[in-house]
Amino acid sequence: VLRKELWVGTRADGVWHCDLAGNEWTHWGRDQGLPDDRVVTLAAHATSAFVAVGTSAAGGIARIGADGRVTILEGKGAPSHAPSCLIVLDQRLLVPMGSVIREFDIGKGTWLLSRRPSQRQIDRIFPGASHAWESRCGRELAPYGAGDATAAPYKSAWFTEKGSAGYV
């Protein structure tokens, strides 16, 4: 729910948007411009949404604008399959793709490629109050963009003398 709006992604019926003030629903699927009706994840941003569609073998990301128009986020650096996670941080869309974080500059409409210095697997990115957090290798929570030395203090919360404390 964002700004009295609700965005819902489905496994086989595209995206639904509800204006909660008027209880008005709008649907987007292949007929409305989405390249696939299978939604993996989505991220709301202002009055639009970024939608990962397809499968882990093929797919990509689309943006549903405030005017309802669907734009496919293509170009150099764009994912070639549907990522399992999307978040918006400031004016960037962050997309973890293994050891690489792909970033989409929302204002410029271009893809950037961020390689991690540690080259570790980044499974998920979570928004926080002041910055984003990343989950590495299905465990370990650390500030997004932190190198191994900066992330080290957080590691003790996930790895104890008796083994792993939990998974994210």
N, C-alpha and C. Protein backbone atom coordinates (compact mmCIF):
# COMPACT_ATOMS: atom_id res chain seq x y z
N VAL A 1 0.85 -1.18 0.00
CA VAL A 1 0.00 0.00 0.00
C VAL A 1 0.90 1.23 0.00
N LEU A 2 0.67 2.12 -0.93
CA LEU A 2 1.46 3.33 -1.04
C LEU A 2 0.54 4.46 -1.47
N ARG A 3 0.50 5.54 -0.68
CA ARG A 3 -0.33 6.70 -1.01
C ARG A 3 -1.78 6.32 -1.31
N LYS A 4 -2.34 5.51 -0.45
CA LYS A 4 -3.73 5.04 -0.60
C LYS A 4 -3.94 4.29 -1.89
N GLU A 5 -2.90 3.56 -2.28
CA GLU A 5 -2.96 2.71 -3.47
C GLU A 5 -2.49 1.33 -3.07
N LEU A 6 -2.98 0.33 -3.76
CA LEU A 6 -2.55 -1.04 -3.54
C LEU A 6 -2.16 -1.64 -4.89
N TRP A 7 -0.93 -2.15 -5.00
CA TRP A 7 -0.46 -2.82 -6.20
C TRP A 7 -0.39 -4.31 -5.89
N VAL A 8 -0.93 -5.15 -6.76
CA VAL A 8 -0.93 -6.59 -6.56
C VAL A 8 -0.41 -7.27 -7.82
N GLY A 9 0.62 -8.10 -7.66
CA GLY A 9 1.14 -8.91 -8.76
C GLY A 9 0.64 -10.34 -8.61
N THR A 10 0.27 -10.96 -9.70
CA THR A 10 -0.26 -12.32 -9.64
C THR A 10 0.63 -13.29 -10.40
N ARG A 11 0.44 -14.58 -10.15
CA ARG A 11 1.24 -15.60 -10.83
C ARG A 11 0.85 -15.80 -12.28
N ALA A 12 -0.39 -15.47 -12.63
CA ALA A 12 -0.83 -15.74 -14.01
C ALA A 12 -1.80 -14.72 -14.57
N ASP A 13 -2.10 -13.65 -13.82
CA ASP A 13 -3.09 -12.68 -14.28
C ASP A 13 -2.56 -11.25 -14.24
N GLY A 14 -1.25 -11.06 -14.40
CA GLY A 14 -0.71 -9.72 -14.49
C GLY A 14 -0.74 -8.94 -13.20
N VAL A 15 -0.97 -7.63 -13.33
CA VAL A 15 -0.94 -6.69 -12.21
C VAL A 15 -2.30 -6.06 -12.03
N TRP A 16 -2.66 -5.89 -10.77
CA TRP A 16 -3.89 -5.17 -10.40
C TRP A 16 -3.51 -3.99 -9.53
N HIS A 17 -4.20 -2.86 -9.74
CA HIS A 17 -3.98 -1.66 -8.96
C HIS A 17 -5.32 -1.19 -8.42
N CYS A 18 -5.34 -0.85 -7.13
CA CYS A 18 -6.57 -0.34 -6.53
C CYS A 18 -6.33 1.05 -5.96
N ASP A 19 -7.16 1.99 -6.38
CA ASP A 19 -7.21 3.31 -5.75
C ASP A 19 -8.11 3.12 -4.54
N LEU A 20 -7.52 3.05 -3.35
CA LEU A 20 -8.28 2.71 -2.15
C LEU A 20 -9.33 3.75 -1.78
N ALA A 21 -9.08 5.01 -2.15
CA ALA A 21 -10.05 6.06 -1.83
C ALA A 21 -11.37 5.83 -2.56
N GLY A 22 -11.29 5.40 -3.81
CA GLY A 22 -12.50 5.18 -4.60
C GLY A 22 -12.83 3.72 -4.83
N ASN A 23 -11.99 2.82 -4.28
CA ASN A 23 -12.16 1.38 -4.48
C ASN A 23 -12.29 1.04 -5.96
N GLU A 24 -11.44 1.66 -6.77
CA GLU A 24 -11.44 1.42 -8.21
C GLU A 24 -10.23 0.57 -8.59
N TRP A 25 -10.49 -0.54 -9.27
CA TRP A 25 -9.45 -1.47 -9.69
C TRP A 25 -9.11 -1.29 -11.17
N THR A 26 -7.81 -1.40 -11.48
CA THR A 26 -7.33 -1.38 -12.86
C THR A 26 -6.44 -2.60 -13.06
N HIS A 27 -6.52 -3.20 -14.25
CA HIS A 27 -5.76 -4.41 -14.53
C HIS A 27 -4.81 -4.19 -15.71
N TRP A 28 -3.59 -4.77 -15.61
CA TRP A 28 -2.65 -4.81 -16.71
C TRP A 28 -2.21 -6.25 -16.92
N GLY A 29 -2.28 -6.67 -18.15
CA GLY A 29 -1.81 -7.98 -18.56
C GLY A 29 -1.18 -7.86 -19.93
N ARG A 30 -1.09 -8.96 -20.63
CA ARG A 30 -0.49 -8.92 -21.97
C ARG A 30 -1.27 -8.00 -22.90
N ASP A 31 -2.57 -8.01 -22.80
CA ASP A 31 -3.39 -7.14 -23.67
C ASP A 31 -3.17 -5.66 -23.40
N GLN A 32 -2.69 -5.32 -22.20
CA GLN A 32 -2.45 -3.92 -21.83
C GLN A 32 -0.97 -3.54 -21.96
N GLY A 33 -0.13 -4.45 -22.47
CA GLY A 33 1.26 -4.11 -22.73
C GLY A 33 2.32 -4.84 -21.91
N LEU A 34 1.93 -5.58 -20.88
CA LEU A 34 2.95 -6.35 -20.15
C LEU A 34 3.47 -7.46 -21.07
N PRO A 35 4.76 -7.74 -21.04
CA PRO A 35 5.29 -8.79 -21.91
C PRO A 35 4.92 -10.19 -21.44
N ASP A 36 4.46 -10.34 -20.20
CA ASP A 36 4.11 -11.64 -19.63
C ASP A 36 3.12 -11.41 -18.50
N ASP A 37 2.20 -12.33 -18.30
CA ASP A 37 1.22 -12.21 -17.21
C ASP A 37 1.74 -12.76 -15.88
N ARG A 38 2.91 -13.41 -15.90
CA ARG A 38 3.48 -14.00 -14.67
C ARG A 38 4.33 -12.95 -13.97
N VAL A 39 3.83 -12.46 -12.83
CA VAL A 39 4.55 -11.43 -12.06
C VAL A 39 5.35 -12.12 -10.96
N VAL A 40 6.65 -11.84 -10.93
CA VAL A 40 7.54 -12.42 -9.92
C VAL A 40 7.59 -11.51 -8.69
N THR A 41 7.74 -10.22 -8.91
CA THR A 41 7.78 -9.25 -7.82
C THR A 41 7.48 -7.87 -8.39
N LEU A 42 7.17 -6.91 -7.52
CA LEU A 42 6.96 -5.53 -7.98
C LEU A 42 7.40 -4.57 -6.90
N ALA A 43 7.65 -3.34 -7.31
CA ALA A 43 8.04 -2.27 -6.39
C ALA A 43 7.28 -1.02 -6.77
N ALA A 44 6.53 -0.47 -5.81
CA ALA A 44 5.79 0.76 -6.04
C ALA A 44 6.72 1.96 -5.90
N HIS A 45 6.50 2.96 -6.73
CA HIS A 45 7.30 4.19 -6.68
C HIS A 45 6.42 5.36 -7.08
N ALA A 46 6.23 6.29 -6.16
CA ALA A 46 5.35 7.45 -6.39
C ALA A 46 4.00 6.95 -6.89
N THR A 47 3.62 7.29 -8.11
CA THR A 47 2.32 6.85 -8.64
C THR A 47 2.49 5.80 -9.74
N SER A 48 3.62 5.12 -9.74
CA SER A 48 3.86 4.09 -10.74
C SER A 48 4.37 2.82 -10.05
N ALA A 49 4.62 1.79 -10.84
CA ALA A 49 5.15 0.54 -10.29
C ALA A 49 6.14 -0.07 -11.28
N PHE A 50 7.16 -0.71 -10.74
CA PHE A 50 8.10 -1.50 -11.52
C PHE A 50 7.72 -2.96 -11.30
N VAL A 51 7.64 -3.72 -12.39
CA VAL A 51 7.14 -5.08 -12.33
C VAL A 51 8.11 -6.04 -12.99
N ALA A 52 8.55 -7.08 -12.26
CA ALA A 52 9.38 -8.13 -12.83
C ALA A 52 8.44 -9.23 -13.31
N VAL A 53 8.51 -9.53 -14.60
CA VAL A 53 7.60 -10.53 -15.18
C VAL A 53 8.38 -11.63 -15.88
N GLY A 54 7.74 -12.79 -16.00
CA GLY A 54 8.35 -13.91 -16.70
C GLY A 54 8.77 -15.00 -15.75
N THR A 55 9.94 -15.60 -16.04
CA THR A 55 10.46 -16.70 -15.23
C THR A 55 11.93 -16.46 -14.96
N SER A 56 12.55 -17.41 -14.25
CA SER A 56 13.99 -17.30 -14.00
C SER A 56 14.80 -17.58 -15.26
N ALA A 57 14.14 -18.07 -16.31
CA ALA A 57 14.82 -18.34 -17.58
C ALA A 57 14.64 -17.23 -18.61
N ALA A 58 13.53 -16.54 -18.55
CA ALA A 58 13.25 -15.48 -19.52
C ALA A 58 12.26 -14.48 -18.92
N GLY A 59 12.44 -13.23 -19.26
CA GLY A 59 11.54 -12.21 -18.75
C GLY A 59 12.25 -10.89 -18.66
N GLY A 60 11.79 -10.03 -17.78
CA GLY A 60 12.40 -8.73 -17.62
C GLY A 60 11.60 -7.85 -16.70
N ILE A 61 11.77 -6.53 -16.87
CA ILE A 61 11.13 -5.56 -15.99
C ILE A 61 10.36 -4.55 -16.84
N ALA A 62 9.16 -4.23 -16.38
CA ALA A 62 8.34 -3.21 -17.02
C ALA A 62 7.98 -2.16 -15.97
N ARG A 63 7.67 -0.96 -16.46
CA ARG A 63 7.20 0.10 -15.58
C ARG A 63 5.78 0.47 -16.01
N ILE A 64 4.89 0.52 -15.04
CA ILE A 64 3.53 1.00 -15.28
C ILE A 64 3.49 2.43 -14.76
N GLY A 65 3.36 3.38 -15.66
CA GLY A 65 3.39 4.79 -15.30
C GLY A 65 2.09 5.29 -14.71
N ALA A 66 2.13 6.51 -14.20
CA ALA A 66 0.95 7.13 -13.60
C ALA A 66 -0.20 7.24 -14.60
N ASP A 67 0.15 7.33 -15.90
CA ASP A 67 -0.88 7.43 -16.94
C ASP A 67 -1.39 6.06 -17.39
N GLY A 68 -0.85 4.97 -16.76
CA GLY A 68 -1.28 3.63 -17.11
C GLY A 68 -0.51 2.99 -18.25
N ARG A 69 0.41 3.74 -18.84
CA ARG A 69 1.19 3.22 -19.96
C ARG A 69 2.28 2.27 -19.46
N VAL A 70 2.48 1.18 -20.17
CA VAL A 70 3.51 0.20 -19.83
C VAL A 70 4.75 0.45 -20.68
N THR A 71 5.90 0.54 -20.02
CA THR A 71 7.18 0.72 -20.70
C THR A 71 8.09 -0.44 -20.30
N ILE A 72 8.67 -1.11 -21.28
CA ILE A 72 9.60 -2.19 -21.01
C ILE A 72 10.98 -1.57 -20.77
N LEU A 73 11.63 -1.94 -19.67
CA LEU A 73 12.94 -1.40 -19.35
C LEU A 73 14.01 -2.25 -20.03
N GLU A 74 14.34 -1.85 -21.24
CA GLU A 74 15.30 -2.58 -22.06
C GLU A 74 16.61 -1.82 -22.12
N GLY A 75 17.54 -2.34 -22.89
CA GLY A 75 18.80 -1.66 -23.11
C GLY A 75 19.95 -2.39 -22.46
N LYS A 76 21.15 -1.88 -22.69
CA LYS A 76 22.34 -2.49 -22.14
C LYS A 76 22.28 -2.47 -20.61
N GLY A 77 22.49 -3.63 -20.02
CA GLY A 77 22.44 -3.77 -18.57
C GLY A 77 21.11 -4.25 -18.04
N ALA A 78 20.08 -4.29 -18.88
CA ALA A 78 18.76 -4.75 -18.43
C ALA A 78 18.80 -6.26 -18.19
N PRO A 79 18.11 -6.74 -17.15
CA PRO A 79 18.06 -8.18 -16.91
C PRO A 79 17.38 -8.92 -18.06
N SER A 80 17.86 -10.13 -18.34
CA SER A 80 17.26 -10.94 -19.41
C SER A 80 16.28 -11.98 -18.86
N HIS A 81 16.11 -11.98 -17.56
CA HIS A 81 15.11 -12.85 -16.93
C HIS A 81 14.48 -12.10 -15.76
N ALA A 82 13.42 -12.66 -15.23
CA ALA A 82 12.69 -11.98 -14.17
C ALA A 82 13.45 -12.10 -12.84
N PRO A 83 13.88 -10.98 -12.27
CA PRO A 83 14.56 -11.05 -10.97
C PRO A 83 13.55 -11.35 -9.87
N SER A 84 14.03 -11.89 -8.75
CA SER A 84 13.14 -12.24 -7.65
C SER A 84 12.95 -11.09 -6.67
N CYS A 85 13.62 -9.97 -6.91
CA CYS A 85 13.56 -8.86 -5.96
C CYS A 85 13.76 -7.53 -6.67
N LEU A 86 12.98 -6.53 -6.30
CA LEU A 86 13.12 -5.16 -6.79
C LEU A 86 12.87 -4.22 -5.62
N ILE A 87 13.69 -3.17 -5.47
CA ILE A 87 13.33 -2.09 -4.55
C ILE A 87 13.72 -0.76 -5.17
N VAL A 88 13.03 0.27 -4.74
CA VAL A 88 13.36 1.63 -5.17
C VAL A 88 14.05 2.32 -4.01
N LEU A 89 15.23 2.87 -4.27
CA LEU A 89 16.00 3.61 -3.29
C LEU A 89 16.34 4.95 -3.92
N ASP A 90 15.80 6.02 -3.34
CA ASP A 90 15.96 7.35 -3.91
C ASP A 90 15.40 7.32 -5.34
N GLN A 91 16.21 7.64 -6.32
CA GLN A 91 15.76 7.63 -7.72
C GLN A 91 16.39 6.48 -8.50
N ARG A 92 16.65 5.36 -7.80
CA ARG A 92 17.24 4.18 -8.43
C ARG A 92 16.39 2.95 -8.15
N LEU A 93 16.26 2.10 -9.16
CA LEU A 93 15.65 0.79 -8.99
C LEU A 93 16.80 -0.19 -8.82
N LEU A 94 16.83 -0.93 -7.72
CA LEU A 94 17.90 -1.88 -7.44
C LEU A 94 17.40 -3.30 -7.74
N VAL A 95 18.23 -4.05 -8.49
CA VAL A 95 17.85 -5.38 -8.94
C VAL A 95 19.02 -6.34 -8.68
N PRO A 96 18.95 -7.17 -7.62
CA PRO A 96 20.03 -8.12 -7.38
C PRO A 96 20.00 -9.26 -8.40
N MET A 97 21.15 -9.53 -9.00
CA MET A 97 21.27 -10.60 -9.99
C MET A 97 22.54 -11.39 -9.68
N GLY A 98 22.52 -12.16 -8.59
CA GLY A 98 23.70 -12.92 -8.19
C GLY A 98 24.74 -12.01 -7.58
N SER A 99 25.95 -12.04 -8.10
CA SER A 99 27.03 -11.21 -7.55
C SER A 99 27.00 -9.79 -8.13
N VAL A 100 26.02 -9.50 -8.96
CA VAL A 100 25.90 -8.19 -9.59
C VAL A 100 24.58 -7.54 -9.17
N ILE A 101 24.65 -6.26 -8.85
CA ILE A 101 23.44 -5.48 -8.60
C ILE A 101 23.24 -4.59 -9.81
N ARG A 102 22.12 -4.75 -10.46
CA ARG A 102 21.80 -3.87 -11.58
C ARG A 102 21.01 -2.70 -11.01
N GLU A 103 21.32 -1.52 -11.50
CA GLU A 103 20.64 -0.31 -11.05
C GLU A 103 20.05 0.40 -12.25
N PHE A 104 18.82 0.83 -12.10
CA PHE A 104 18.15 1.61 -13.14
C PHE A 104 17.97 3.01 -12.60
N ASP A 105 18.52 4.00 -13.30
CA ASP A 105 18.37 5.40 -12.93
C ASP A 105 16.99 5.84 -13.42
N ILE A 106 16.07 6.04 -12.49
CA ILE A 106 14.68 6.34 -12.84
C ILE A 106 14.58 7.67 -13.59
N GLY A 107 15.30 8.68 -13.15
CA GLY A 107 15.24 9.99 -13.80
C GLY A 107 15.78 9.99 -15.21
N LYS A 108 16.90 9.29 -15.43
CA LYS A 108 17.52 9.26 -16.75
C LYS A 108 16.99 8.14 -17.64
N GLY A 109 16.37 7.15 -17.03
CA GLY A 109 15.86 6.02 -17.81
C GLY A 109 16.95 5.13 -18.37
N THR A 110 18.07 4.99 -17.64
CA THR A 110 19.18 4.17 -18.13
C THR A 110 19.60 3.14 -17.08
N TRP A 111 20.17 2.05 -17.56
CA TRP A 111 20.69 0.99 -16.70
C TRP A 111 22.15 1.24 -16.37
N LEU A 112 22.52 0.97 -15.12
CA LEU A 112 23.89 1.02 -14.66
C LEU A 112 24.23 -0.38 -14.15
N LEU A 113 25.49 -0.73 -14.12
CA LEU A 113 25.89 -2.04 -13.61
C LEU A 113 26.82 -1.83 -12.43
N SER A 114 26.44 -2.34 -11.29
CA SER A 114 27.26 -2.24 -10.09
C SER A 114 27.78 -3.62 -9.74
N ARG A 115 29.07 -3.78 -9.78
CA ARG A 115 29.67 -5.06 -9.34
C ARG A 115 30.05 -4.91 -7.87
N ARG A 116 29.86 -5.96 -7.14
CA ARG A 116 30.20 -5.98 -5.73
C ARG A 116 31.69 -6.25 -5.55
N PRO A 117 32.37 -5.49 -4.69
CA PRO A 117 33.79 -5.73 -4.46
C PRO A 117 34.06 -7.14 -3.93
N SER A 118 33.13 -7.68 -3.12
CA SER A 118 33.35 -9.00 -2.54
C SER A 118 32.96 -10.11 -3.51
N GLN A 119 32.24 -9.76 -4.56
CA GLN A 119 31.74 -10.73 -5.54
C GLN A 119 30.89 -11.82 -4.89
N ARG A 120 30.22 -11.49 -3.78
CA ARG A 120 29.34 -12.45 -3.11
C ARG A 120 27.95 -12.41 -3.71
N GLN A 121 27.27 -13.51 -3.57
CA GLN A 121 25.88 -13.62 -4.04
C GLN A 121 25.00 -12.69 -3.21
N ILE A 122 24.24 -11.82 -3.86
CA ILE A 122 23.27 -10.97 -3.19
C ILE A 122 21.89 -11.51 -3.56
N ASP A 123 21.18 -12.07 -2.57
CA ASP A 123 19.89 -12.70 -2.84
C ASP A 123 18.73 -11.72 -2.79
N ARG A 124 18.72 -10.83 -1.83
CA ARG A 124 17.61 -9.91 -1.64
C ARG A 124 18.13 -8.55 -1.20
N ILE A 125 17.35 -7.55 -1.50
CA ILE A 125 17.61 -6.20 -1.00
C ILE A 125 16.32 -5.73 -0.33
N PHE A 126 16.45 -5.13 0.85
CA PHE A 126 15.29 -4.67 1.62
C PHE A 126 15.40 -3.18 1.85
N PRO A 127 14.29 -2.44 1.72
CA PRO A 127 14.35 -1.01 2.04
C PRO A 127 14.38 -0.80 3.54
N GLY A 128 15.08 0.22 3.98
CA GLY A 128 15.12 0.59 5.39
C GLY A 128 14.79 2.07 5.54
N ALA A 129 14.71 2.52 6.77
CA ALA A 129 14.36 3.91 7.03
C ALA A 129 15.40 4.88 6.48
N SER A 130 16.69 4.53 6.62
CA SER A 130 17.74 5.45 6.18
C SER A 130 18.55 4.94 5.00
N HIS A 131 18.54 3.63 4.76
CA HIS A 131 19.27 3.05 3.64
C HIS A 131 18.74 1.64 3.37
N ALA A 132 19.26 1.00 2.37
CA ALA A 132 18.83 -0.36 2.03
C ALA A 132 19.73 -1.38 2.72
N TRP A 133 19.21 -2.59 2.85
CA TRP A 133 19.94 -3.71 3.42
C TRP A 133 20.00 -4.82 2.40
N GLU A 134 21.06 -5.60 2.42
CA GLU A 134 21.18 -6.72 1.50
C GLU A 134 21.32 -8.02 2.28
N SER A 135 20.84 -9.09 1.68
CA SER A 135 21.00 -10.43 2.24
C SER A 135 21.95 -11.18 1.33
N ARG A 136 23.01 -11.69 1.90
CA ARG A 136 24.03 -12.38 1.12
C ARG A 136 23.91 -13.89 1.30
N CYS A 137 23.94 -14.60 0.22
CA CYS A 137 23.97 -16.07 0.24
C CYS A 137 22.82 -16.66 1.03
N GLY A 138 21.65 -16.03 1.03
CA GLY A 138 20.50 -16.55 1.75
C GLY A 138 20.58 -16.35 3.24
N ARG A 139 21.56 -15.61 3.71
CA ARG A 139 21.73 -15.30 5.12
C ARG A 139 22.53 -14.00 5.20
N GLU A 140 23.01 -13.63 6.34
CA GLU A 140 23.80 -12.42 6.52
C GLU A 140 23.08 -11.16 6.05
N LEU A 141 22.68 -10.35 6.96
CA LEU A 141 22.07 -9.07 6.64
C LEU A 141 23.12 -7.99 6.85
N ALA A 142 23.32 -7.13 5.86
CA ALA A 142 24.33 -6.07 5.93
C ALA A 142 23.82 -4.85 5.19
N PRO A 143 24.36 -3.66 5.51
CA PRO A 143 23.95 -2.46 4.77
C PRO A 143 24.27 -2.62 3.28
N TYR A 144 23.37 -2.16 2.43
CA TYR A 144 23.58 -2.25 0.99
C TYR A 144 24.82 -1.46 0.62
N GLY A 145 25.68 -2.09 -0.17
CA GLY A 145 26.88 -1.44 -0.65
C GLY A 145 28.06 -1.55 0.28
N ALA A 146 27.88 -2.19 1.44
CA ALA A 146 28.98 -2.30 2.39
C ALA A 146 29.99 -3.33 1.91
N GLY A 147 31.25 -3.02 2.04
CA GLY A 147 32.30 -3.99 1.77
C GLY A 147 32.36 -5.00 2.91
N ASP A 148 33.20 -6.00 2.78
CA ASP A 148 33.30 -7.04 3.79
C ASP A 148 33.66 -6.48 5.17
N ALA A 149 34.56 -5.50 5.22
CA ALA A 149 34.98 -4.94 6.51
C ALA A 149 33.82 -4.21 7.20
N THR A 150 33.05 -3.44 6.45
CA THR A 150 31.91 -2.72 7.02
C THR A 150 30.80 -3.67 7.42
N ALA A 151 30.61 -4.75 6.66
CA ALA A 151 29.55 -5.72 6.95
C ALA A 151 29.91 -6.67 8.09
N ALA A 152 31.20 -6.78 8.43
CA ALA A 152 31.65 -7.74 9.44
C ALA A 152 30.91 -7.66 10.78
N PRO A 153 30.65 -6.45 11.33
CA PRO A 153 29.95 -6.40 12.62
C PRO A 153 28.55 -7.03 12.59
N TYR A 154 27.92 -7.04 11.44
CA TYR A 154 26.58 -7.60 11.32
C TYR A 154 26.61 -9.12 11.23
N LYS A 155 27.74 -9.66 10.81
CA LYS A 155 27.87 -11.10 10.59
C LYS A 155 27.68 -11.88 11.89
N SER A 156 28.14 -11.35 13.01
CA SER A 156 28.04 -12.08 14.27
C SER A 156 26.58 -12.33 14.66
N ALA A 157 25.66 -11.53 14.17
CA ALA A 157 24.24 -11.75 14.46
C ALA A 157 23.71 -12.97 13.72
N TRP A 158 24.37 -13.36 12.64
CA TRP A 158 23.88 -14.49 11.83
C TRP A 158 24.68 -15.76 12.04
N PHE A 159 25.93 -15.63 12.46
CA PHE A 159 26.76 -16.80 12.67
C PHE A 159 27.23 -16.82 14.11
N THR A 160 26.80 -17.81 14.86
CA THR A 160 27.19 -17.94 16.26
C THR A 160 28.19 -19.08 16.38
N GLU A 161 28.68 -19.31 17.59
CA GLU A 161 29.62 -20.42 17.81
C GLU A 161 28.98 -21.76 17.49
N LYS A 162 27.66 -21.82 17.57
CA LYS A 162 26.94 -23.08 17.32
C LYS A 162 26.45 -23.22 15.89
N GLY A 163 26.75 -22.25 15.04
CA GLY A 163 26.34 -22.32 13.64
C GLY A 163 25.45 -21.16 13.25
N SER A 164 24.75 -21.32 12.16
CA SER A 164 23.89 -20.26 11.64
C SER A 164 22.72 -20.00 12.58
N ALA A 165 22.43 -18.73 12.77
CA ALA A 165 21.34 -18.35 13.65
C ALA A 165 20.03 -18.25 12.92
N GLY A 166 20.04 -18.07 11.61
CA GLY A 166 18.79 -17.92 10.89
C GLY A 166 19.02 -17.57 9.45
N TYR A 167 17.96 -17.55 8.70
CA TYR A 167 18.02 -17.22 7.28
C TYR A 167 17.08 -16.09 6.98
N VAL A 168 17.42 -15.31 5.99
CA VAL A 168 16.59 -14.19 5.57
C VAL A 168 15.81 -14.63 4.36
